[in-house]
Amino acid sequence: MDHETRLKRLGFRSSHRGTREADMMIGGFFATYGRTWTPEQLDWFEALLEEQDVDIMGWAIGSIVCPPEWDGLMMQAMRDINYVTVVK
């Protein structure tokens, strides 16, 4: 699939997780940084989306120990949480 289609697909998948909190955290992370990622970073994120939202969010906020395969620069960026905007 071409790059633009992949970005649209990942944008949709990351912001339609099933809960508002996951949409804001996971979708907000992608919306803020996704267009700047390398193909390898997009691969990482795409694989991350296969994990359970509760796990992803727990790893990002530090309430659950992050497995080594997910812990790295991308998860560190996700932990910053400065990309989340609360819409009322």
PDB file of N, CA and C in Angstrom:
ATOM      1  N   MET A   1       0.845  -1.168   0.000  1.00  0.00           N
ATOM      2  CA  MET A   1       0.000   0.000   0.000  1.00  0.00           C
ATOM      3  C   MET A   1       0.893   1.234   0.000  1.00  0.00           C
ATOM      4  N   ASP A   2       0.411   2.300  -0.638  1.00  0.00           N
ATOM      5  CA  ASP A   2       1.230   3.501  -0.712  1.00  0.00           C
ATOM      6  C   ASP A   2       1.269   4.214   0.649  1.00  0.00           C
ATOM      7  N   HIS A   3       2.213   5.110   0.788  1.00  0.00           N
ATOM      8  CA  HIS A   3       2.478   5.772   2.071  1.00  0.00           C
ATOM      9  C   HIS A   3       1.266   6.557   2.591  1.00  0.00           C
ATOM     10  N   GLU A   4       0.615   7.321   1.743  1.00  0.00           N
ATOM     11  CA  GLU A   4      -0.546   8.122   2.175  1.00  0.00           C
ATOM     12  C   GLU A   4      -1.684   7.242   2.652  1.00  0.00           C
ATOM     13  N   THR A   5      -1.947   6.173   1.951  1.00  0.00           N
ATOM     14  CA  THR A   5      -2.999   5.232   2.345  1.00  0.00           C
ATOM     15  C   THR A   5      -2.657   4.605   3.687  1.00  0.00           C
ATOM     16  N   ARG A   6      -1.409   4.253   3.860  1.00  0.00           N
ATOM     17  CA  ARG A   6      -0.972   3.664   5.132  1.00  0.00           C
ATOM     18  C   ARG A   6      -1.173   4.648   6.280  1.00  0.00           C
ATOM     19  N   LEU A   7      -0.811   5.910   6.068  1.00  0.00           N
ATOM     20  CA  LEU A   7      -0.994   6.923   7.112  1.00  0.00           C
ATOM     21  C   LEU A   7      -2.467   7.101   7.453  1.00  0.00           C
ATOM     22  N   LYS A   8      -3.318   7.140   6.456  1.00  0.00           N
ATOM     23  CA  LYS A   8      -4.766   7.284   6.704  1.00  0.00           C
ATOM     24  C   LYS A   8      -5.288   6.089   7.493  1.00  0.00           C
ATOM     25  N   ARG A   9      -4.858   4.910   7.092  1.00  0.00           N
ATOM     26  CA  ARG A   9      -5.297   3.682   7.772  1.00  0.00           C
ATOM     27  C   ARG A   9      -4.846   3.683   9.236  1.00  0.00           C
ATOM     28  N   LEU A  10      -3.576   4.025   9.468  1.00  0.00           N
ATOM     29  CA  LEU A  10      -3.067   4.069  10.842  1.00  0.00           C
ATOM     30  C   LEU A  10      -3.743   5.163  11.651  1.00  0.00           C
ATOM     31  N   GLY A  11      -4.017   6.294  11.018  1.00  0.00           N
ATOM     32  CA  GLY A  11      -4.722   7.373  11.707  1.00  0.00           C
ATOM     33  C   GLY A  11      -6.097   6.930  12.171  1.00  0.00           C
ATOM     34  N   PHE A  12      -6.817   6.257  11.310  1.00  0.00           N
ATOM     35  CA  PHE A  12      -8.139   5.759  11.676  1.00  0.00           C
ATOM     36  C   PHE A  12      -8.043   4.719  12.786  1.00  0.00           C
ATOM     37  N   ARG A  13      -7.164   3.745  12.599  1.00  0.00           N
ATOM     38  CA  ARG A  13      -7.036   2.667  13.594  1.00  0.00           C
ATOM     39  C   ARG A  13      -6.597   3.184  14.952  1.00  0.00           C
ATOM     40  N   SER A  14      -5.756   4.211  14.963  1.00  0.00           N
ATOM     41  CA  SER A  14      -5.247   4.720  16.237  1.00  0.00           C
ATOM     42  C   SER A  14      -6.262   5.593  16.963  1.00  0.00           C
ATOM     43  N   SER A  15      -7.195   6.171  16.237  1.00  0.00           N
ATOM     44  CA  SER A  15      -8.149   7.075  16.878  1.00  0.00           C
ATOM     45  C   SER A  15      -9.548   6.490  17.011  1.00  0.00           C
ATOM     46  N   HIS A  16      -9.715   5.245  16.671  1.00  0.00           N
ATOM     47  CA  HIS A  16     -10.991   4.539  16.824  1.00  0.00           C
ATOM     48  C   HIS A  16     -10.758   3.245  17.597  1.00  0.00           C
ATOM     49  N   ARG A  17     -10.295   3.399  18.823  1.00  0.00           N
ATOM     50  CA  ARG A  17      -9.891   2.247  19.630  1.00  0.00           C
ATOM     51  C   ARG A  17     -11.047   1.659  20.436  1.00  0.00           C
ATOM     52  N   GLY A  18     -12.053   2.451  20.705  1.00  0.00           N
ATOM     53  CA  GLY A  18     -13.182   1.927  21.467  1.00  0.00           C
ATOM     54  C   GLY A  18     -13.455   2.668  22.755  1.00  0.00           C
ATOM     55  N   THR A  19     -12.459   3.368  23.261  1.00  0.00           N
ATOM     56  CA  THR A  19     -12.688   4.212  24.436  1.00  0.00           C
ATOM     57  C   THR A  19     -12.119   5.594  24.141  1.00  0.00           C
ATOM     58  N   ARG A  20     -12.732   6.588  24.735  1.00  0.00           N
ATOM     59  CA  ARG A  20     -12.284   7.967  24.512  1.00  0.00           C
ATOM     60  C   ARG A  20     -10.833   8.159  24.953  1.00  0.00           C
ATOM     61  N   GLU A  21     -10.491   7.550  26.084  1.00  0.00           N
ATOM     62  CA  GLU A  21      -9.137   7.698  26.621  1.00  0.00           C
ATOM     63  C   GLU A  21      -8.099   7.114  25.667  1.00  0.00           C
ATOM     64  N   ALA A  22      -8.374   5.932  25.153  1.00  0.00           N
ATOM     65  CA  ALA A  22      -7.434   5.302  24.215  1.00  0.00           C
ATOM     66  C   ALA A  22      -7.369   6.091  22.914  1.00  0.00           C
ATOM     67  N   ASP A  23      -8.512   6.567  22.448  1.00  0.00           N
ATOM     68  CA  ASP A  23      -8.517   7.384  21.233  1.00  0.00           C
ATOM     69  C   ASP A  23      -7.646   8.621  21.416  1.00  0.00           C
ATOM     70  N   MET A  24      -7.763   9.264  22.578  1.00  0.00           N
ATOM     71  CA  MET A  24      -6.992  10.482  22.833  1.00  0.00           C
ATOM     72  C   MET A  24      -5.507  10.180  22.963  1.00  0.00           C
ATOM     73  N   MET A  25      -5.164   9.112  23.676  1.00  0.00           N
ATOM     74  CA  MET A  25      -3.753   8.816  23.897  1.00  0.00           C
ATOM     75  C   MET A  25      -3.100   8.229  22.649  1.00  0.00           C
ATOM     76  N   ILE A  26      -3.626   7.148  22.153  1.00  0.00           N
ATOM     77  CA  ILE A  26      -3.012   6.451  21.031  1.00  0.00           C
ATOM     78  C   ILE A  26      -3.211   7.249  19.736  1.00  0.00           C
ATOM     79  N   GLY A  27      -4.429   7.723  19.528  1.00  0.00           N
ATOM     80  CA  GLY A  27      -4.704   8.526  18.345  1.00  0.00           C
ATOM     81  C   GLY A  27      -3.986   9.862  18.373  1.00  0.00           C
ATOM     82  N   GLY A  28      -3.928  10.477  19.547  1.00  0.00           N
ATOM     83  CA  GLY A  28      -3.226  11.752  19.680  1.00  0.00           C
ATOM     84  C   GLY A  28      -1.738  11.614  19.417  1.00  0.00           C
ATOM     85  N   PHE A  29      -1.170  10.514  19.863  1.00  0.00           N
ATOM     86  CA  PHE A  29       0.244  10.242  19.613  1.00  0.00           C
ATOM     87  C   PHE A  29       0.504  10.161  18.114  1.00  0.00           C
ATOM     88  N   PHE A  30      -0.337   9.397  17.419  1.00  0.00           N
ATOM     89  CA  PHE A  30      -0.161   9.277  15.981  1.00  0.00           C
ATOM     90  C   PHE A  30      -0.419  10.602  15.269  1.00  0.00           C
ATOM     91  N   ALA A  31      -1.488  11.300  15.633  1.00  0.00           N
ATOM     92  CA  ALA A  31      -1.834  12.565  14.974  1.00  0.00           C
ATOM     93  C   ALA A  31      -0.711  13.592  15.118  1.00  0.00           C
ATOM     94  N   THR A  32      -0.046  13.582  16.255  1.00  0.00           N
ATOM     95  CA  THR A  32       1.020  14.548  16.508  1.00  0.00           C
ATOM     96  C   THR A  32       2.311  14.191  15.788  1.00  0.00           C
ATOM     97  N   TYR A  33       2.678  12.921  15.776  1.00  0.00           N
ATOM     98  CA  TYR A  33       4.003  12.526  15.290  1.00  0.00           C
ATOM     99  C   TYR A  33       4.017  11.642  14.048  1.00  0.00           C
ATOM    100  N   GLY A  34       2.914  11.004  13.722  1.00  0.00           N
ATOM    101  CA  GLY A  34       2.901   9.972  12.687  1.00  0.00           C
ATOM    102  C   GLY A  34       3.470  10.367  11.340  1.00  0.00           C
ATOM    103  N   ARG A  35       3.195  11.574  10.893  1.00  0.00           N
ATOM    104  CA  ARG A  35       3.672  12.003   9.566  1.00  0.00           C
ATOM    105  C   ARG A  35       5.192  12.184   9.517  1.00  0.00           C
ATOM    106  N   THR A  36       5.841  12.253  10.671  1.00  0.00           N
ATOM    107  CA  THR A  36       7.298  12.455  10.700  1.00  0.00           C
ATOM    108  C   THR A  36       8.066  11.145  10.870  1.00  0.00           C
ATOM    109  N   TRP A  37       7.349  10.043  11.087  1.00  0.00           N
ATOM    110  CA  TRP A  37       8.002   8.769  11.364  1.00  0.00           C
ATOM    111  C   TRP A  37       8.598   8.127  10.120  1.00  0.00           C
ATOM    112  N   THR A  38       9.662   7.388  10.361  1.00  0.00           N
ATOM    113  CA  THR A  38      10.292   6.585   9.312  1.00  0.00           C
ATOM    114  C   THR A  38       9.425   5.345   9.056  1.00  0.00           C
ATOM    115  N   PRO A  39       9.664   4.645   7.961  1.00  0.00           N
ATOM    116  CA  PRO A  39       8.931   3.396   7.728  1.00  0.00           C
ATOM    117  C   PRO A  39       9.095   2.398   8.881  1.00  0.00           C
ATOM    118  N   GLU A  40      10.273   2.352   9.489  1.00  0.00           N
ATOM    119  CA  GLU A  40      10.493   1.433  10.616  1.00  0.00           C
ATOM    120  C   GLU A  40       9.659   1.849  11.831  1.00  0.00           C
ATOM    121  N   GLN A  41       9.553   3.141  12.070  1.00  0.00           N
ATOM    122  CA  GLN A  41       8.729   3.619  13.185  1.00  0.00           C
ATOM    123  C   GLN A  41       7.251   3.355  12.916  1.00  0.00           C
ATOM    124  N   LEU A  42       6.834   3.511  11.682  1.00  0.00           N
ATOM    125  CA  LEU A  42       5.455   3.173  11.323  1.00  0.00           C
ATOM    126  C   LEU A  42       5.200   1.684  11.523  1.00  0.00           C
ATOM    127  N   ASP A  43       6.180   0.842  11.183  1.00  0.00           N
ATOM    128  CA  ASP A  43       6.055  -0.605  11.418  1.00  0.00           C
ATOM    129  C   ASP A  43       5.854  -0.874  12.905  1.00  0.00           C
ATOM    130  N   TRP A  44       6.650  -0.212  13.743  1.00  0.00           N
ATOM    131  CA  TRP A  44       6.548  -0.384  15.196  1.00  0.00           C
ATOM    132  C   TRP A  44       5.157  -0.005  15.673  1.00  0.00           C
ATOM    133  N   PHE A  45       4.684   1.144  15.233  1.00  0.00           N
ATOM    134  CA  PHE A  45       3.378   1.617  15.674  1.00  0.00           C
ATOM    135  C   PHE A  45       2.258   0.709  15.183  1.00  0.00           C
ATOM    136  N   GLU A  46       2.365   0.278  13.943  1.00  0.00           N
ATOM    137  CA  GLU A  46       1.350  -0.615  13.386  1.00  0.00           C
ATOM    138  C   GLU A  46       1.281  -1.916  14.181  1.00  0.00           C
ATOM    139  N   ALA A  47       2.420  -2.454  14.557  1.00  0.00           N
ATOM    140  CA  ALA A  47       2.443  -3.664  15.377  1.00  0.00           C
ATOM    141  C   ALA A  47       1.901  -3.381  16.779  1.00  0.00           C
ATOM    142  N   LEU A  48       2.220  -2.208  17.315  1.00  0.00           N
ATOM    143  CA  LEU A  48       1.715  -1.837  18.641  1.00  0.00           C
ATOM    144  C   LEU A  48       0.190  -1.816  18.664  1.00  0.00           C
ATOM    145  N   LEU A  49      -0.425  -1.393  17.579  1.00  0.00           N
ATOM    146  CA  LEU A  49      -1.880  -1.324  17.519  1.00  0.00           C
ATOM    147  C   LEU A  49      -2.551  -2.682  17.654  1.00  0.00           C
ATOM    148  N   GLU A  50      -1.792  -3.744  17.492  1.00  0.00           N
ATOM    149  CA  GLU A  50      -2.335  -5.094  17.677  1.00  0.00           C
ATOM    150  C   GLU A  50      -2.445  -5.465  19.155  1.00  0.00           C
ATOM    151  N   GLU A  51      -1.787  -4.709  20.007  1.00  0.00           N
ATOM    152  CA  GLU A  51      -1.824  -4.968  21.450  1.00  0.00           C
ATOM    153  C   GLU A  51      -3.117  -4.403  22.046  1.00  0.00           C
ATOM    154  N   GLN A  52      -3.425  -4.848  23.241  1.00  0.00           N
ATOM    155  CA  GLN A  52      -4.615  -4.367  23.943  1.00  0.00           C
ATOM    156  C   GLN A  52      -4.434  -2.915  24.388  1.00  0.00           C
ATOM    157  N   ASP A  53      -5.475  -2.121  24.253  1.00  0.00           N
ATOM    158  CA  ASP A  53      -5.405  -0.712  24.646  1.00  0.00           C
ATOM    159  C   ASP A  53      -4.984  -0.532  26.095  1.00  0.00           C
ATOM    160  N   VAL A  54      -5.523  -1.344  26.969  1.00  0.00           N
ATOM    161  CA  VAL A  54      -5.193  -1.218  28.393  1.00  0.00           C
ATOM    162  C   VAL A  54      -3.702  -1.444  28.619  1.00  0.00           C
ATOM    163  N   ASP A  55      -3.103  -2.338  27.857  1.00  0.00           N
ATOM    164  CA  ASP A  55      -1.660  -2.572  27.968  1.00  0.00           C
ATOM    165  C   ASP A  55      -0.874  -1.384  27.413  1.00  0.00           C
ATOM    166  N   ILE A  56      -1.232  -0.937  26.222  1.00  0.00           N
ATOM    167  CA  ILE A  56      -0.529   0.201  25.608  1.00  0.00           C
ATOM    168  C   ILE A  56      -0.568   1.401  26.538  1.00  0.00           C
ATOM    169  N   MET A  57      -1.743   1.698  27.050  1.00  0.00           N
ATOM    170  CA  MET A  57      -1.890   2.866  27.923  1.00  0.00           C
ATOM    171  C   MET A  57      -1.131   2.666  29.235  1.00  0.00           C
ATOM    172  N   GLY A  58      -1.163   1.460  29.767  1.00  0.00           N
ATOM    173  CA  GLY A  58      -0.426   1.166  30.990  1.00  0.00           C
ATOM    174  C   GLY A  58       1.069   1.309  30.810  1.00  0.00           C
ATOM    175  N   TRP A  59       1.579   0.850  29.673  1.00  0.00           N
ATOM    176  CA  TRP A  59       3.010   0.994  29.380  1.00  0.00           C
ATOM    177  C   TRP A  59       3.369   2.468  29.244  1.00  0.00           C
ATOM    178  N   ALA A  60       2.472   3.230  28.606  1.00  0.00           N
ATOM    179  CA  ALA A  60       2.754   4.648  28.353  1.00  0.00           C
ATOM    180  C   ALA A  60       2.720   5.482  29.633  1.00  0.00           C
ATOM    181  N   ILE A  61       1.826   5.150  30.558  1.00  0.00           N
ATOM    182  CA  ILE A  61       1.756   5.951  31.790  1.00  0.00           C
ATOM    183  C   ILE A  61       2.575   5.345  32.922  1.00  0.00           C
ATOM    184  N   GLY A  62       3.113   4.162  32.700  1.00  0.00           N
ATOM    185  CA  GLY A  62       3.989   3.545  33.685  1.00  0.00           C
ATOM    186  C   GLY A  62       3.298   2.739  34.765  1.00  0.00           C
ATOM    187  N   SER A  63       2.009   2.456  34.593  1.00  0.00           N
ATOM    188  CA  SER A  63       1.308   1.650  35.590  1.00  0.00           C
ATOM    189  C   SER A  63       1.534   0.152  35.377  1.00  0.00           C
ATOM    190  N   ILE A  64       2.049  -0.201  34.207  1.00  0.00           N
ATOM    191  CA  ILE A  64       2.385  -1.592  33.880  1.00  0.00           C
ATOM    192  C   ILE A  64       3.815  -1.578  33.342  1.00  0.00           C
ATOM    193  N   VAL A  65       4.602  -2.547  33.746  1.00  0.00           N
ATOM    194  CA  VAL A  65       5.967  -2.654  33.231  1.00  0.00           C
ATOM    195  C   VAL A  65       5.901  -2.934  31.735  1.00  0.00           C
ATOM    196  N   CYS A  66       6.617  -2.145  30.976  1.00  0.00           N
ATOM    197  CA  CYS A  66       6.628  -2.271  29.516  1.00  0.00           C
ATOM    198  C   CYS A  66       7.561  -3.403  29.092  1.00  0.00           C
ATOM    199  N   PRO A  67       7.064  -4.334  28.281  1.00  0.00           N
ATOM    200  CA  PRO A  67       7.935  -5.402  27.780  1.00  0.00           C
ATOM    201  C   PRO A  67       9.079  -4.825  26.950  1.00  0.00           C
ATOM    202  N   PRO A  68      10.221  -5.470  26.977  1.00  0.00           N
ATOM    203  CA  PRO A  68      11.393  -4.960  26.261  1.00  0.00           C
ATOM    204  C   PRO A  68      11.164  -4.717  24.774  1.00  0.00           C
ATOM    205  N   GLU A  69      10.318  -5.531  24.144  1.00  0.00           N
ATOM    206  CA  GLU A  69      10.098  -5.369  22.706  1.00  0.00           C
ATOM    207  C   GLU A  69       9.370  -4.080  22.355  1.00  0.00           C
ATOM    208  N   TRP A  70       8.718  -3.465  23.327  1.00  0.00           N
ATOM    209  CA  TRP A  70       8.013  -2.203  23.086  1.00  0.00           C
ATOM    210  C   TRP A  70       8.723  -1.011  23.706  1.00  0.00           C
ATOM    211  N   ASP A  71       9.618  -1.271  24.626  1.00  0.00           N
ATOM    212  CA  ASP A  71      10.287  -0.190  25.348  1.00  0.00           C
ATOM    213  C   ASP A  71      11.452   0.345  24.519  1.00  0.00           C
ATOM    214  N   GLY A  72      11.408   1.605  24.225  1.00  0.00           N
ATOM    215  CA  GLY A  72      12.452   2.236  23.421  1.00  0.00           C
ATOM    216  C   GLY A  72      12.108   3.701  23.187  1.00  0.00           C
ATOM    217  N   LEU A  73      12.704   4.288  22.183  1.00  0.00           N
ATOM    218  CA  LEU A  73      12.504   5.710  21.917  1.00  0.00           C
ATOM    219  C   LEU A  73      11.053   6.054  21.597  1.00  0.00           C
ATOM    220  N   MET A  74      10.380   5.193  20.860  1.00  0.00           N
ATOM    221  CA  MET A  74       8.978   5.470  20.518  1.00  0.00           C
ATOM    222  C   MET A  74       8.106   5.438  21.766  1.00  0.00           C
ATOM    223  N   MET A  75       8.297   4.458  22.631  1.00  0.00           N
ATOM    224  CA  MET A  75       7.501   4.400  23.862  1.00  0.00           C
ATOM    225  C   MET A  75       7.865   5.570  24.766  1.00  0.00           C
ATOM    226  N   GLN A  76       9.131   5.963  24.783  1.00  0.00           N
ATOM    227  CA  GLN A  76       9.528   7.135  25.562  1.00  0.00           C
ATOM    228  C   GLN A  76       8.770   8.367  25.079  1.00  0.00           C
ATOM    229  N   ALA A  77       8.662   8.531  23.783  1.00  0.00           N
ATOM    230  CA  ALA A  77       7.909   9.667  23.240  1.00  0.00           C
ATOM    231  C   ALA A  77       6.439   9.572  23.620  1.00  0.00           C
ATOM    232  N   MET A  78       5.911   8.357  23.626  1.00  0.00           N
ATOM    233  CA  MET A  78       4.510   8.169  24.013  1.00  0.00           C
ATOM    234  C   MET A  78       4.309   8.504  25.482  1.00  0.00           C
ATOM    235  N   ARG A  79       5.317   8.255  26.293  1.00  0.00           N
ATOM    236  CA  ARG A  79       5.226   8.538  27.735  1.00  0.00           C
ATOM    237  C   ARG A  79       5.180  10.030  28.047  1.00  0.00           C
ATOM    238  N   ASP A  80       5.631  10.864  27.132  1.00  0.00           N
ATOM    239  CA  ASP A  80       5.612  12.313  27.379  1.00  0.00           C
ATOM    240  C   ASP A  80       4.203  12.852  27.564  1.00  0.00           C
ATOM    241  N   ILE A  81       3.231  12.243  26.908  1.00  0.00           N
ATOM    242  CA  ILE A  81       1.807  12.555  27.014  1.00  0.00           C
ATOM    243  C   ILE A  81       1.484  14.020  26.690  1.00  0.00           C
ATOM    244  N   ASN A  82       2.431  14.807  26.231  1.00  0.00           N
ATOM    245  CA  ASN A  82       2.158  16.211  25.943  1.00  0.00           C
ATOM    246  C   ASN A  82       1.344  16.409  24.670  1.00  0.00           C
ATOM    247  N   TYR A  83       1.073  15.349  23.958  1.00  0.00           N
ATOM    248  CA  TYR A  83       0.315  15.396  22.708  1.00  0.00           C
ATOM    249  C   TYR A  83      -1.178  15.216  22.920  1.00  0.00           C
ATOM    250  N   VAL A  84      -1.603  14.879  24.142  1.00  0.00           N
ATOM    251  CA  VAL A  84      -3.017  14.641  24.417  1.00  0.00           C
ATOM    252  C   VAL A  84      -3.725  15.971  24.645  1.00  0.00           C
ATOM    253  N   THR A  85      -4.790  16.190  23.884  1.00  0.00           N
ATOM    254  CA  THR A  85      -5.620  17.358  24.112  1.00  0.00           C
ATOM    255  C   THR A  85      -6.999  16.866  24.540  1.00  0.00           C
ATOM    256  N   VAL A  86      -7.512  17.444  25.580  1.00  0.00           N
ATOM    257  CA  VAL A  86      -8.817  17.036  26.102  1.00  0.00           C
ATOM    258  C   VAL A  86      -9.884  17.915  25.464  1.00  0.00           C
ATOM    259  N   VAL A  87     -10.816  17.260  24.787  1.00  0.00           N
ATOM    260  CA  VAL A  87     -11.942  17.953  24.162  1.00  0.00           C
ATOM    261  C   VAL A  87     -13.171  17.681  25.000  1.00  0.00           C
ATOM    262  N   LYS A  88     -13.823  18.733  25.403  1.00  0.00           N
ATOM    263  CA  LYS A  88     -15.017  18.549  26.251  1.00  0.00           C
ATOM    264  C   LYS A  88     -16.272  18.497  25.418  1.00  0.00           C
TER     265      LYS A  88
END
